[in-house]
N, C-alpha and C. Protein backbone atom coordinates (compact mmCIF):
# COMPACT_ATOMS: atom_id res chain seq x y z
N MET A 1 0.68 -1.24 -0.08
CA MET A 1 -0.01 0.34 0.26
C MET A 1 1.08 1.24 0.37
N LYS A 2 0.91 2.04 -0.80
CA LYS A 2 1.38 3.45 -0.88
C LYS A 2 0.99 4.31 0.14
N LYS A 3 1.83 4.77 0.87
CA LYS A 3 1.67 5.92 1.94
C LYS A 3 1.59 7.33 1.60
N LYS A 4 0.78 7.67 1.80
CA LYS A 4 -0.17 8.78 1.97
C LYS A 4 0.48 10.27 2.89
N GLN A 5 1.13 11.24 2.20
CA GLN A 5 1.84 12.27 3.14
C GLN A 5 0.46 13.19 3.16
N GLY A 6 1.14 13.79 5.02
CA GLY A 6 -0.03 14.70 5.70
C GLY A 6 0.81 15.45 6.37
N THR A 7 0.12 16.50 7.07
CA THR A 7 0.71 17.40 8.22
C THR A 7 -0.11 17.04 9.56
N VAL A 8 0.80 16.78 10.74
CA VAL A 8 0.06 16.68 12.02
C VAL A 8 -0.72 17.84 12.44
N VAL A 9 -1.76 18.07 12.43
CA VAL A 9 -2.36 19.54 13.09
C VAL A 9 -3.31 19.38 14.32
N ARG A 10 -2.65 18.33 14.89
CA ARG A 10 -3.30 18.16 16.23
C ARG A 10 -2.65 17.34 17.33
N TRP A 11 -2.11 17.13 18.07
CA TRP A 11 -1.38 16.25 18.90
C TRP A 11 -1.54 16.34 20.37
N ASP A 12 -2.14 15.74 21.37
CA ASP A 12 -2.41 15.49 22.41
C ASP A 12 -1.55 14.61 23.29
N GLY A 13 -0.67 15.06 24.09
CA GLY A 13 0.77 14.38 24.56
C GLY A 13 -0.09 13.74 25.73
N GLU A 14 -1.13 14.06 26.36
CA GLU A 14 -1.51 13.58 27.66
C GLU A 14 -2.59 12.22 27.33
N LYS A 15 -3.03 12.64 26.27
CA LYS A 15 -3.80 11.19 25.67
C LYS A 15 -3.11 10.34 24.74
N ALA A 16 -1.85 10.86 24.32
CA ALA A 16 -1.24 10.13 23.38
C ALA A 16 -1.76 9.72 21.81
N PHE A 17 -2.63 10.57 21.11
CA PHE A 17 -3.39 10.31 20.05
C PHE A 17 -3.33 11.88 19.31
N GLY A 18 -3.59 11.74 18.11
CA GLY A 18 -3.63 13.34 17.36
C GLY A 18 -4.27 12.99 15.97
N PHE A 19 -4.23 14.22 15.05
CA PHE A 19 -4.89 14.03 13.62
C PHE A 19 -3.81 14.56 12.49
N ILE A 20 -4.14 13.77 11.67
CA ILE A 20 -2.94 14.26 10.41
C ILE A 20 -4.24 14.90 9.21
N ARG A 21 -3.96 15.59 8.78
CA ARG A 21 -4.71 16.14 7.52
C ARG A 21 -3.84 16.11 6.53
N CYS A 22 -4.49 15.57 5.33
CA CYS A 22 -4.13 15.03 4.07
C CYS A 22 -4.91 15.74 3.07
N PRO A 23 -4.49 16.30 1.98
CA PRO A 23 -5.38 16.68 0.90
C PRO A 23 -5.86 15.53 0.23
N ASP A 24 -5.49 14.46 0.28
CA ASP A 24 -6.28 13.61 -0.37
C ASP A 24 -7.47 12.94 0.47
N ILE A 25 -7.78 13.15 1.50
CA ILE A 25 -8.88 12.89 2.48
C ILE A 25 -9.63 13.74 2.81
N PRO A 26 -10.56 13.43 2.64
CA PRO A 26 -11.70 14.76 3.18
C PRO A 26 -11.31 14.88 4.27
N ALA A 27 -11.18 14.16 5.89
CA ALA A 27 -11.37 14.10 7.13
C ALA A 27 -10.11 13.96 7.77
N ASP A 28 -10.19 14.72 8.47
CA ASP A 28 -8.57 14.51 9.32
C ASP A 28 -8.60 12.84 9.70
N VAL A 29 -7.26 12.53 9.71
CA VAL A 29 -7.12 10.80 9.90
C VAL A 29 -6.64 11.00 11.28
N PHE A 30 -7.08 9.97 12.15
CA PHE A 30 -6.75 9.96 13.70
C PHE A 30 -5.55 8.87 13.67
N PHE A 31 -4.60 9.08 14.87
CA PHE A 31 -3.67 8.15 14.79
C PHE A 31 -3.23 8.13 16.48
N HIS A 32 -2.92 6.87 16.57
CA HIS A 32 -2.48 6.80 18.19
C HIS A 32 -0.69 6.67 18.36
N LEU A 33 -0.20 6.95 19.37
CA LEU A 33 1.28 6.98 19.46
C LEU A 33 1.50 5.74 19.36
N ARG A 34 1.15 4.56 19.45
CA ARG A 34 1.59 3.22 19.14
C ARG A 34 1.57 2.73 17.41
N ASP A 35 0.80 3.74 16.74
CA ASP A 35 0.87 3.65 15.28
C ASP A 35 2.08 4.62 14.68
N PHE A 36 2.65 5.28 15.85
CA PHE A 36 3.80 6.29 15.28
C PHE A 36 5.33 5.66 15.39
N THR A 37 6.13 5.65 14.36
CA THR A 37 7.21 5.32 14.49
C THR A 37 8.22 6.67 13.93
N GLY A 38 9.24 6.51 15.17
CA GLY A 38 10.41 7.87 14.71
C GLY A 38 11.02 7.87 15.81
N PRO A 39 12.20 9.12 15.63
CA PRO A 39 13.44 9.40 16.66
C PRO A 39 12.60 9.94 17.88
N ALA A 40 11.18 10.74 17.77
CA ALA A 40 10.63 11.22 18.71
C ALA A 40 9.31 11.37 18.70
N LYS A 41 8.76 11.87 19.74
CA LYS A 41 7.31 12.00 19.90
C LYS A 41 6.76 12.71 18.79
N PRO A 42 5.25 12.70 18.28
CA PRO A 42 4.94 13.46 17.42
C PRO A 42 4.66 14.96 17.80
N GLN A 43 4.47 15.92 16.79
CA GLN A 43 4.38 17.25 17.27
C GLN A 43 3.35 18.10 16.00
N GLU A 44 2.78 18.92 16.22
CA GLU A 44 2.17 19.69 15.57
C GLU A 44 3.02 20.44 14.51
N GLY A 45 2.42 20.27 12.97
CA GLY A 45 3.02 20.72 12.06
C GLY A 45 4.56 19.66 11.38
N LEU A 46 4.24 18.71 12.05
CA LEU A 46 5.19 17.68 11.42
C LEU A 46 4.51 17.34 10.42
N LYS A 47 5.60 17.07 8.84
CA LYS A 47 5.29 16.49 7.92
C LYS A 47 5.25 14.91 8.35
N VAL A 48 3.96 14.03 8.10
CA VAL A 48 4.02 12.62 8.13
C VAL A 48 4.22 11.76 6.66
N LEU A 49 4.37 10.75 6.49
CA LEU A 49 3.54 9.69 5.76
C LEU A 49 3.12 8.58 6.41
N PHE A 50 1.99 7.90 5.93
CA PHE A 50 1.47 6.92 6.64
C PHE A 50 0.28 6.18 5.70
N GLU A 51 -0.05 5.39 6.36
CA GLU A 51 -1.15 4.64 5.50
C GLU A 51 -2.69 4.76 6.34
N ASP A 52 -3.87 4.85 5.81
CA ASP A 52 -4.78 4.65 6.08
C ASP A 52 -5.80 3.93 5.90
N ILE A 53 -6.59 3.58 6.99
CA ILE A 53 -7.71 2.69 6.69
C ILE A 53 -8.91 3.14 7.41
N HIS A 54 -10.07 2.20 7.08
CA HIS A 54 -11.38 3.09 7.60
C HIS A 54 -12.25 1.82 8.08
N VAL A 55 -12.35 2.13 9.83
CA VAL A 55 -13.10 1.12 10.54
C VAL A 55 -14.60 1.51 10.77
N GLY A 56 -15.22 0.64 10.32
CA GLY A 56 -16.83 1.32 10.27
C GLY A 56 -17.39 2.61 9.99
N GLY A 57 -18.16 3.19 11.04
CA GLY A 57 -18.77 4.48 10.71
C GLY A 57 -17.30 5.71 11.61
N LYS A 58 -16.55 4.99 12.15
CA LYS A 58 -15.42 6.13 12.79
C LYS A 58 -14.71 6.82 12.22
N GLY A 59 -14.59 6.87 10.61
CA GLY A 59 -13.48 7.83 10.25
C GLY A 59 -12.15 7.16 9.64
N PRO A 60 -11.34 7.58 9.16
CA PRO A 60 -10.30 7.41 8.56
C PRO A 60 -8.94 7.38 10.11
N ARG A 61 -8.15 6.51 9.91
CA ARG A 61 -7.32 5.92 10.85
C ARG A 61 -5.89 5.66 9.96
N GLY A 62 -4.99 6.70 10.95
CA GLY A 62 -3.41 6.52 10.30
C GLY A 62 -2.62 5.07 11.06
N LEU A 63 -2.23 4.36 10.23
CA LEU A 63 -0.94 3.47 10.54
C LEU A 63 0.06 3.58 10.06
N SER A 64 0.92 3.17 10.48
CA SER A 64 2.44 3.10 10.04
C SER A 64 2.94 4.44 10.19
N VAL A 65 2.70 5.44 10.83
CA VAL A 65 2.71 6.71 10.53
C VAL A 65 4.42 7.27 10.97
N GLU A 66 4.94 7.90 9.94
CA GLU A 66 6.47 8.09 10.22
C GLU A 66 6.67 9.54 9.75
N PRO A 67 7.76 9.90 10.18
CA PRO A 67 8.35 11.43 9.78
C PRO A 67 8.54 11.17 8.28
N ALA A 68 8.22 12.14 7.43
CA ALA A 68 8.54 12.19 5.91
C ALA A 68 9.56 12.37 5.50
N ARG A 69 10.53 11.77 4.50
CA ARG A 69 11.77 12.31 4.57
C ARG A 69 11.96 13.31 4.18
N ASN A 70 13.38 13.71 4.79
CA ASN A 70 14.40 14.98 4.67
C ASN A 70 13.05 16.14 6.04
N THR A 71 12.27 15.34 6.91
CA THR A 71 11.72 15.80 7.92
C THR A 71 12.79 15.57 9.07
N ILE A 72 12.99 16.89 9.87
CA ILE A 72 13.62 16.87 11.31
C ILE A 72 13.23 17.12 12.37
N ILE A 73 12.62 16.55 13.45
CA ILE A 73 12.25 16.76 14.50
C ILE A 73 12.72 17.67 15.37
N THR A 74 12.63 18.63 15.68
CA THR A 74 13.47 19.28 16.59
C THR A 74 13.01 18.99 18.02
N GLU A 75 14.17 19.11 18.67
CA GLU A 75 13.93 18.58 19.76
C GLU A 75 14.57 20.14 20.82
N PRO A 76 14.41 20.07 21.92
CA PRO A 76 14.79 21.25 22.74
C PRO A 76 16.14 21.59 22.80
N PRO A 77 16.81 22.76 22.71
CA PRO A 77 18.10 23.06 22.64
C PRO A 77 18.93 22.72 23.90
N ALA A 78 19.68 22.04 23.69
CA ALA A 78 20.84 21.96 25.00
C ALA A 78 21.44 23.21 25.48
N PRO A 79 21.08 23.07 26.88
CA PRO A 79 21.54 24.42 27.17
C PRO A 79 23.39 24.54 26.89
N PRO A 80 23.63 26.04 26.77
CA PRO A 80 25.30 26.14 26.42
C PRO A 80 26.01 26.03 27.66
N PRO A 81 27.37 25.54 27.37
CA PRO A 81 28.08 25.40 28.56
C PRO A 81 28.63 26.59 29.29
N ILE A 82 28.95 26.10 30.70
CA ILE A 82 29.27 27.37 31.22
C ILE A 82 30.63 27.32 31.43
N PRO A 83 30.92 28.84 31.12
CA PRO A 83 32.39 29.05 30.90
C PRO A 83 33.07 28.86 32.16
N ALA A 84 34.36 28.34 32.03
CA ALA A 84 34.93 28.24 33.67
C ALA A 84 35.10 29.56 34.46
N GLU A 85 35.16 30.32 33.89
CA GLU A 85 35.30 31.63 35.08
C GLU A 85 33.86 31.76 35.50
N ALA A 86 32.69 31.53 34.73
CA ALA A 86 31.25 31.55 35.25
C ALA A 86 31.31 30.63 36.82
N GLN A 87 32.03 29.48 36.36
CA GLN A 87 31.66 28.48 37.75
C GLN A 87 32.45 28.92 38.63
N LEU A 88 33.27 29.46 38.85
CA LEU A 88 33.98 30.43 39.71
C LEU A 88 33.06 31.24 40.96
N LEU A 89 32.01 31.82 40.11
CA LEU A 89 31.35 33.09 40.73
C LEU A 89 30.12 31.94 41.49
N PRO A 90 29.41 32.39 42.56
CA PRO A 90 28.60 31.72 43.61
C PRO A 90 27.40 31.48 43.31
N ARG A 91 26.87 30.71 43.03
CA ARG A 91 25.51 30.41 42.79
C ARG A 91 24.42 30.59 43.50
N SER A 92 23.44 30.27 42.34
CA SER A 92 21.92 30.89 43.30
C SER A 92 21.14 29.63 43.69
N GLN A 93 21.97 28.86 44.04
CA GLN A 93 21.27 27.74 44.13
C GLN A 93 20.19 27.42 45.36
N PRO A 94 20.54 28.34 46.50
CA PRO A 94 19.80 27.89 47.42
C PRO A 94 18.36 28.64 47.13
N ALA A 95 17.85 29.67 46.25
CA ALA A 95 17.04 30.32 45.90
C ALA A 95 16.26 29.76 44.70
N SER A 96 16.86 28.90 44.17
CA SER A 96 16.07 27.79 43.23
C SER A 96 15.80 26.90 43.74
N ARG A 97 16.57 26.22 44.76
CA ARG A 97 15.86 25.07 45.39
C ARG A 97 14.55 25.74 46.42
N SER A 98 14.65 26.80 47.12
CA SER A 98 13.74 27.24 47.69
C SER A 98 12.30 27.10 46.79
N ARG A 99 12.79 27.71 45.71
CA ARG A 99 11.39 27.91 44.75
C ARG A 99 10.60 26.57 44.21
N SER A 100 11.57 25.91 43.58
CA SER A 100 11.17 24.47 43.48
C SER A 100 10.44 23.92 44.55
N GLN A 101 10.79 24.01 45.55
CA GLN A 101 10.10 23.25 47.17
C GLN A 101 9.14 24.04 46.85
N TRP A 102 8.97 25.19 46.94
CA TRP A 102 7.30 26.29 47.24
C TRP A 102 6.50 25.64 46.18
N GLN A 103 7.05 25.37 45.11
CA GLN A 103 5.86 24.84 43.72
C GLN A 103 5.68 23.59 44.08
N LYS A 104 6.37 22.60 44.73
CA LYS A 104 5.97 21.14 44.76
C LYS A 104 5.08 21.19 46.04
N ARG A 105 5.46 21.93 47.16
CA ARG A 105 3.96 22.28 48.11
C ARG A 105 2.83 22.64 47.31
N ARG A 106 2.85 23.59 46.56
CA ARG A 106 1.40 24.01 45.69
C ARG A 106 1.24 23.04 45.02
N GLU A 107 1.76 22.00 44.62
CA GLU A 107 1.14 21.18 43.66
C GLU A 107 0.49 19.84 44.51
N GLU A 108 0.89 19.34 45.63
CA GLU A 108 1.02 18.80 46.36
C GLU A 108 -0.44 19.27 47.40
N ARG A 109 -0.56 20.34 47.84
CA ARG A 109 -1.51 20.65 48.50
C ARG A 109 -3.05 20.17 47.95
N PRO A 110 -3.52 20.19 46.79
CA PRO A 110 -5.10 19.71 46.29
C PRO A 110 -4.75 18.15 46.91
N LEU A 111 -3.66 17.23 46.66
CA LEU A 111 -3.46 15.88 47.11
C LEU A 111 -3.95 15.65 48.58
N TRP A 112 -3.11 16.76 49.41
CA TRP A 112 -3.50 16.42 50.61
C TRP A 112 -5.02 16.96 51.17
N VAL A 113 -5.43 17.94 50.37
CA VAL A 113 -6.63 18.36 50.66
C VAL A 113 -7.82 17.21 50.13
N GLY A 114 -7.84 16.40 48.98
CA GLY A 114 -8.76 15.59 49.47
C GLY A 114 -8.37 14.12 50.27
N LEU A 115 -7.20 14.15 50.17
CA LEU A 115 -6.94 12.70 51.50
C LEU A 115 -7.80 13.06 52.25
N GLY A 116 -7.38 14.51 52.80
CA GLY A 116 -8.01 14.70 54.23
C GLY A 116 -9.68 14.57 54.12
N LEU A 117 -10.39 15.10 53.17
CA LEU A 117 -11.60 15.04 52.66
C LEU A 117 -12.34 13.41 52.89
N ILE A 118 -11.58 12.60 52.19
CA ILE A 118 -11.88 11.37 52.16
C ILE A 118 -11.76 10.81 53.75
N ALA A 119 -10.65 11.09 54.31
CA ALA A 119 -10.51 10.65 55.77
C ALA A 119 -11.94 10.94 56.74
N PHE A 120 -12.16 12.72 56.55
CA PHE A 120 -13.20 12.88 57.05
C PHE A 120 -14.60 11.83 56.79
N TRP A 121 -14.64 11.94 55.78
CA TRP A 121 -15.81 11.32 55.04
C TRP A 121 -15.93 9.61 55.64
N LEU A 122 -14.42 8.98 55.75
CA LEU A 122 -15.03 7.48 56.06
C LEU A 122 -15.10 7.64 57.92
N LEU A 123 -14.49 8.93 58.53
CA LEU A 123 -14.84 8.93 59.76
C LEU A 123 -16.61 9.47 60.09
N LEU A 124 -16.90 9.88 59.26
CA LEU A 124 -18.63 10.05 59.11
C LEU A 124 -19.10 8.95 59.20
N TRP A 125 -18.86 8.21 58.28
CA TRP A 125 -19.66 6.71 58.30
C TRP A 125 -19.46 5.86 59.31
N LEU A 126 -18.24 5.69 59.94
CA LEU A 126 -17.84 4.78 61.04
C LEU A 126 -18.88 5.69 62.33
N VAL A 127 -18.90 6.76 62.50
CA VAL A 127 -19.68 7.40 63.36
C VAL A 127 -21.12 7.14 63.61
N GLY A 128 -21.36 7.52 62.15
CA GLY A 128 -22.73 7.22 62.00
C GLY A 128 -23.10 5.07 62.24
N ILE A 129 -22.45 4.78 61.97
CA ILE A 129 -22.39 3.25 62.46
C ILE A 129 -22.66 3.00 63.75
N GLY A 130 -22.04 3.56 64.29
CA GLY A 130 -21.42 3.83 65.80
C GLY A 130 -22.64 3.95 66.69
N MET A 131 -23.37 5.17 65.88
CA MET A 131 -24.28 5.86 66.54
C MET A 131 -25.67 4.95 66.03
N GLY A 132 -25.72 4.03 65.33
CA GLY A 132 -26.74 3.50 64.46
C GLY A 132 -27.62 3.81 63.59
N ARG A 133 -27.01 4.69 63.37
CA ARG A 133 -27.80 5.55 62.07
C ARG A 133 -27.38 5.09 60.64
N PHE A 134 -26.74 4.03 60.48
CA PHE A 134 -26.24 3.09 59.64
C PHE A 134 -26.06 1.54 59.95
N PRO A 135 -26.33 0.66 58.89
CA PRO A 135 -26.31 -0.78 59.26
C PRO A 135 -24.75 -0.89 59.04
N TRP A 136 -24.20 -1.83 59.22
CA TRP A 136 -22.61 -2.12 58.90
C TRP A 136 -22.64 -2.34 57.15
N VAL A 137 -23.56 -3.40 56.88
CA VAL A 137 -23.62 -3.77 55.54
C VAL A 137 -23.90 -2.30 54.51
N ILE A 138 -23.94 -1.27 55.07
CA ILE A 138 -23.60 -0.32 53.91
C ILE A 138 -22.67 0.10 53.55
N LEU A 139 -21.52 -0.03 54.42
CA LEU A 139 -19.94 -0.15 53.77
C LEU A 139 -19.79 -1.19 52.40
N THR A 140 -20.45 -1.90 52.26
CA THR A 140 -20.10 -2.86 51.02
C THR A 140 -20.77 -2.31 49.91
N ALA A 141 -22.17 -1.45 50.07
CA ALA A 141 -22.55 -0.60 49.09
C ALA A 141 -21.89 0.69 48.63
N VAL A 142 -21.03 1.12 49.99
CA VAL A 142 -20.08 2.07 49.62
C VAL A 142 -19.01 1.99 48.70
N VAL A 143 -18.27 0.63 49.23
CA VAL A 143 -17.50 0.25 48.26
C VAL A 143 -17.38 -0.12 46.85
N LEU A 144 -19.01 -0.59 46.63
CA LEU A 144 -19.64 -1.03 45.24
C LEU A 144 -19.92 0.21 44.57
N VAL A 145 -19.93 0.84 45.30
CA VAL A 145 -20.43 2.41 44.46
C VAL A 145 -19.09 2.99 44.02
N ASN A 146 -17.76 2.97 44.50
CA ASN A 146 -16.70 3.66 44.59
C ASN A 146 -15.79 2.96 43.42
N LEU A 147 -16.05 1.69 43.34
CA LEU A 147 -15.44 0.81 42.40
C LEU A 147 -16.23 1.14 40.99
N ALA A 148 -17.38 1.20 41.13
CA ALA A 148 -18.14 1.32 39.79
C ALA A 148 -17.60 2.85 39.19
N THR A 149 -17.92 3.91 40.66
CA THR A 149 -17.41 5.46 39.85
C THR A 149 -16.24 5.13 39.09
N PHE A 150 -15.12 4.62 40.08
CA PHE A 150 -13.82 4.48 39.01
C PHE A 150 -13.63 3.82 37.98
N TYR A 151 -14.65 2.38 37.49
CA TYR A 151 -14.96 1.72 36.30
C TYR A 151 -15.37 2.74 35.01
N MET A 152 -16.06 3.70 35.74
CA MET A 152 -16.64 4.66 34.63
C MET A 152 -15.88 5.34 34.39
N TYR A 153 -15.04 6.30 35.22
CA TYR A 153 -13.98 6.83 34.87
C TYR A 153 -12.89 6.40 33.67
N TRP A 154 -12.62 5.25 34.32
CA TRP A 154 -11.64 4.37 33.52
C TRP A 154 -12.12 3.85 32.03
N ARG A 155 -13.54 3.77 31.92
CA ARG A 155 -14.31 3.79 30.43
C ARG A 155 -14.63 5.04 29.72
N ASP A 156 -14.63 5.98 30.32
CA ASP A 156 -14.50 7.22 29.85
C ASP A 156 -13.41 7.72 29.10
N LYS A 157 -12.14 7.60 30.08
CA LYS A 157 -11.02 7.55 29.52
C LYS A 157 -10.45 7.05 28.40
N ASP A 158 -10.59 5.64 28.18
CA ASP A 158 -10.40 4.91 27.04
C ASP A 158 -11.33 5.41 26.11
N ALA A 159 -12.65 5.67 26.14
CA ALA A 159 -13.66 5.88 24.74
C ALA A 159 -12.71 7.39 24.16
N ALA A 160 -12.42 8.24 25.00
CA ALA A 160 -11.84 9.43 24.58
C ALA A 160 -10.58 8.89 23.72
N VAL A 161 -9.74 8.11 24.32
CA VAL A 161 -8.37 7.79 23.48
C VAL A 161 -8.89 7.11 22.25
N HIS A 162 -9.68 6.62 22.25
CA HIS A 162 -10.16 5.35 20.95
C HIS A 162 -11.56 6.40 19.97
N GLU A 163 -12.09 7.28 20.70
CA GLU A 163 -12.74 8.15 20.04
C GLU A 163 -14.31 7.21 20.00
N THR A 164 -14.71 6.54 21.04
CA THR A 164 -15.90 5.86 20.94
C THR A 164 -16.76 6.67 22.00
N GLN A 165 -18.05 5.47 22.39
CA GLN A 165 -19.02 6.32 22.61
C GLN A 165 -18.40 6.95 24.16
N ARG A 166 -18.91 8.02 24.55
CA ARG A 166 -18.26 8.50 25.85
C ARG A 166 -19.33 8.42 26.94
N THR A 167 -19.05 8.52 28.17
CA THR A 167 -19.99 8.35 29.18
C THR A 167 -20.47 9.59 29.80
N PRO A 168 -21.89 9.89 29.60
CA PRO A 168 -22.27 11.30 29.82
C PRO A 168 -21.47 11.75 31.49
N GLU A 169 -21.14 13.07 31.18
CA GLU A 169 -21.06 13.95 32.79
C GLU A 169 -22.32 13.72 33.51
N GLU A 170 -23.07 13.76 33.21
CA GLU A 170 -24.19 13.47 34.21
C GLU A 170 -24.18 12.39 35.28
N GLN A 171 -23.87 11.27 34.42
CA GLN A 171 -23.56 9.91 35.19
C GLN A 171 -22.70 9.87 35.90
N LEU A 172 -21.77 10.60 35.64
CA LEU A 172 -20.21 10.52 36.54
C LEU A 172 -20.58 11.61 37.86
N HIS A 173 -21.26 12.66 37.43
CA HIS A 173 -21.56 12.85 38.93
C HIS A 173 -22.98 12.33 39.72
N ALA A 174 -23.57 12.10 39.08
CA ALA A 174 -24.65 11.17 39.52
C ALA A 174 -24.16 10.03 40.88
N LEU A 175 -22.89 9.43 40.30
CA LEU A 175 -22.41 8.44 41.17
C LEU A 175 -21.38 8.99 42.49
N ALA A 176 -20.94 9.96 41.80
CA ALA A 176 -20.35 11.25 42.91
C ALA A 176 -21.05 11.61 43.97
N VAL A 177 -22.58 11.60 43.31
CA VAL A 177 -23.11 12.63 44.49
C VAL A 177 -23.87 11.53 45.53
N VAL A 178 -24.00 10.42 44.49
CA VAL A 178 -24.65 9.33 45.95
C VAL A 178 -23.45 8.52 46.35
N GLY A 179 -22.27 8.87 46.76
CA GLY A 179 -21.13 8.72 47.20
C GLY A 179 -20.19 7.75 46.93
N GLY A 180 -19.99 8.07 45.40
CA GLY A 180 -18.86 7.74 44.89
C GLY A 180 -18.03 8.80 44.29
N TRP A 181 -17.80 9.96 45.16
CA TRP A 181 -16.98 10.85 45.03
C TRP A 181 -15.22 10.46 45.25
N PRO A 182 -15.38 9.61 46.30
CA PRO A 182 -13.94 9.22 46.68
C PRO A 182 -13.37 8.32 45.34
N GLY A 183 -14.11 7.54 44.81
CA GLY A 183 -13.64 6.71 43.91
C GLY A 183 -13.36 7.54 42.59
N ALA A 184 -14.23 8.90 42.42
CA ALA A 184 -13.96 9.49 41.38
C ALA A 184 -12.58 10.32 41.43
N TRP A 185 -12.39 10.69 43.03
CA TRP A 185 -11.17 11.74 43.17
C TRP A 185 -9.94 10.53 42.87
N PHE A 186 -9.70 9.03 42.94
CA PHE A 186 -8.89 8.56 43.02
C PHE A 186 -8.59 8.33 41.23
N ALA A 187 -9.59 8.27 40.44
CA ALA A 187 -9.76 7.97 39.13
C ALA A 187 -9.07 9.48 38.52
N GLN A 188 -9.10 10.11 38.73
CA GLN A 188 -8.73 11.48 38.77
C GLN A 188 -7.26 11.76 38.87
N GLN A 189 -6.85 11.19 39.73
CA GLN A 189 -5.40 11.68 40.14
C GLN A 189 -4.80 10.30 39.65
N ILE A 190 -5.38 9.14 38.95
CA ILE A 190 -4.49 7.92 38.72
C ILE A 190 -4.60 7.73 37.07
N LEU A 191 -5.81 8.23 37.00
CA LEU A 191 -5.91 8.12 35.12
C LEU A 191 -5.61 9.58 34.68
N ARG A 192 -5.63 10.69 35.31
CA ARG A 192 -4.77 11.91 34.93
C ARG A 192 -6.37 12.06 33.87
N HIS A 193 -7.90 12.24 34.41
CA HIS A 193 -9.02 12.22 33.66
C HIS A 193 -9.69 13.05 34.13
N LYS A 194 -10.51 13.81 33.58
CA LYS A 194 -11.34 15.07 33.91
C LYS A 194 -10.80 15.90 34.96
N THR A 195 -9.31 16.20 35.14
CA THR A 195 -8.88 17.01 35.66
C THR A 195 -8.50 18.66 35.50
N VAL A 196 -8.82 18.96 34.13
CA VAL A 196 -8.83 20.14 33.38
C VAL A 196 -9.63 21.14 33.35
N LYS A 197 -10.91 20.65 32.76
CA LYS A 197 -12.28 20.82 32.54
C LYS A 197 -12.78 21.60 33.47
N GLN A 198 -12.73 22.75 34.02
CA GLN A 198 -13.17 23.87 35.02
C GLN A 198 -14.79 23.51 35.25
N PRO A 199 -15.46 23.45 34.21
CA PRO A 199 -16.79 23.38 34.70
C PRO A 199 -17.29 22.23 35.25
N PHE A 200 -16.65 21.02 34.64
CA PHE A 200 -16.84 19.89 35.34
C PHE A 200 -16.01 19.85 36.61
N ARG A 201 -15.15 20.33 36.86
CA ARG A 201 -14.55 20.24 38.22
C ARG A 201 -15.33 21.27 39.61
N LEU A 202 -15.85 22.00 38.49
CA LEU A 202 -16.24 22.83 39.47
C LEU A 202 -17.97 22.07 40.38
N ILE A 203 -18.75 21.50 39.29
CA ILE A 203 -19.76 20.63 39.73
C ILE A 203 -19.39 19.25 40.53
N TYR A 204 -18.19 18.80 39.77
CA TYR A 204 -17.67 17.73 40.90
C TYR A 204 -17.46 18.08 42.76
N TRP A 205 -17.26 18.90 42.68
CA TRP A 205 -16.76 19.57 43.87
C TRP A 205 -18.01 20.32 44.81
N GLY A 206 -19.19 20.47 43.74
CA GLY A 206 -20.40 20.72 44.39
C GLY A 206 -20.96 19.56 44.99
N THR A 207 -20.60 18.10 44.10
CA THR A 207 -21.42 16.80 44.42
C THR A 207 -20.69 16.35 45.86
N VAL A 208 -19.31 16.72 46.00
CA VAL A 208 -19.11 16.52 47.17
C VAL A 208 -19.32 17.05 48.20
N ALA A 209 -20.10 18.47 48.14
CA ALA A 209 -20.46 19.02 49.39
C ALA A 209 -21.48 18.75 49.59
N VAL A 210 -22.48 18.53 48.30
CA VAL A 210 -23.68 17.81 48.43
C VAL A 210 -23.70 16.77 49.52
N ASN A 211 -22.92 15.79 49.14
CA ASN A 211 -22.75 14.37 49.94
C ASN A 211 -22.50 14.43 50.93
N MET A 212 -21.36 15.36 51.19
CA MET A 212 -20.92 15.40 52.79
C MET A 212 -21.78 16.20 53.76
N GLY A 213 -22.60 17.03 53.26
CA GLY A 213 -23.49 17.86 53.88
C GLY A 213 -24.75 16.68 54.07
N ALA A 214 -25.13 16.11 53.15
CA ALA A 214 -26.35 15.13 53.44
C ALA A 214 -25.82 14.03 54.49
N LEU A 215 -24.72 13.74 54.36
CA LEU A 215 -24.13 12.63 55.56
C LEU A 215 -23.82 12.90 56.55
N LEU A 216 -23.73 14.32 56.75
CA LEU A 216 -23.32 15.24 58.56
C LEU A 216 -24.99 15.32 58.63
N ALA A 217 -25.98 15.78 57.94
CA ALA A 217 -27.10 16.20 58.49
C ALA A 217 -27.77 14.67 59.14
N TRP A 218 -27.54 13.82 58.54
CA TRP A 218 -28.32 12.35 58.75
C TRP A 218 -27.96 12.25 60.27
N ILE A 219 -26.59 12.06 60.24
CA ILE A 219 -25.84 11.59 61.40
C ILE A 219 -26.66 12.68 62.61
N LEU A 220 -26.67 13.74 62.73
CA LEU A 220 -26.99 14.99 63.06
C LEU A 220 -28.24 14.76 63.90
N TRP A 221 -29.11 14.66 62.69
CA TRP A 221 -30.35 14.72 62.89
C TRP A 221 -31.07 14.50 64.02
N PRO A 222 -30.94 13.35 64.87
CA PRO A 222 -31.87 12.89 66.21
C PRO A 222 -31.22 14.13 67.18
N ALA A 223 -29.90 14.62 66.91
CA ALA A 223 -29.59 15.48 68.15
C ALA A 223 -30.24 16.75 67.90
N LEU A 224 -30.41 16.86 66.73
CA LEU A 224 -30.79 18.62 66.26
C LEU A 224 -32.28 18.75 66.43
N SER A 225 -33.09 17.51 66.04
CA SER A 225 -34.73 17.34 66.07
C SER A 225 -34.60 17.44 67.56
N SER A 226 -34.43 16.66 68.46
CA SER A 226 -34.72 16.51 69.85
C SER A 226 -33.78 17.87 70.71
N ALA A 227 -33.61 18.80 70.21
CA ALA A 227 -33.14 20.12 70.96
C ALA A 227 -34.13 20.82 71.04
N PRO A 228 -34.39 21.18 72.53
CA PRO A 228 -35.62 22.09 72.99
C PRO A 228 -35.71 23.68 72.28
N ALA A 229 -36.88 23.77 71.87
CA ALA A 229 -36.92 25.14 70.90
C ALA A 229 -36.64 26.33 72.01
N ALA A 230 -35.95 27.34 71.51
CA ALA A 230 -36.04 28.32 72.24
C ALA A 230 -36.73 29.16 72.83
């Protein structure tokens, strides 16, 4: 099969797929990183040679994608060597080190916030069970809901990579609000999925607040309802 020539017009490094535009094919051609052979990863604007196939109604897909001949994939330039006299000058390593540590702490802060909320959520369940507000069997249902939520995130991530039927965001939020938000949080961290889209993130944290508030209110309701009126 004679290869066609095109240009990479879109490349998503996080999801490891992109699209090639070819004048001989009316639609952009989807390709995955595993279909690419070359000295480096693809990048937008790269001229490539490829074979195209059509699978069902999903549109064209590129196979055996490789850089076109006489095409050079540019790599980030290496830093210039430091002159010998400059090496004798005092270095500002402590400032750079403190800045990198500050950035690291800033990146880890959401992680600790999420883990702290999950720990508090588990504590609420244990307190509710101890007070007789929930039966012990409820823990089995909670585990199953969170496993199902993690699976739905994984399936949506896989569908995004292979451009198949996606899971509606309403279903992901519904699972979160009924108690599956910790599974959703772990899926976001492990799969690196649904971590950028701000509207989705805002609704997700809203489901966390609703779930935590409803759980806390159910535990405290006997004490609040029996309190004497002022």
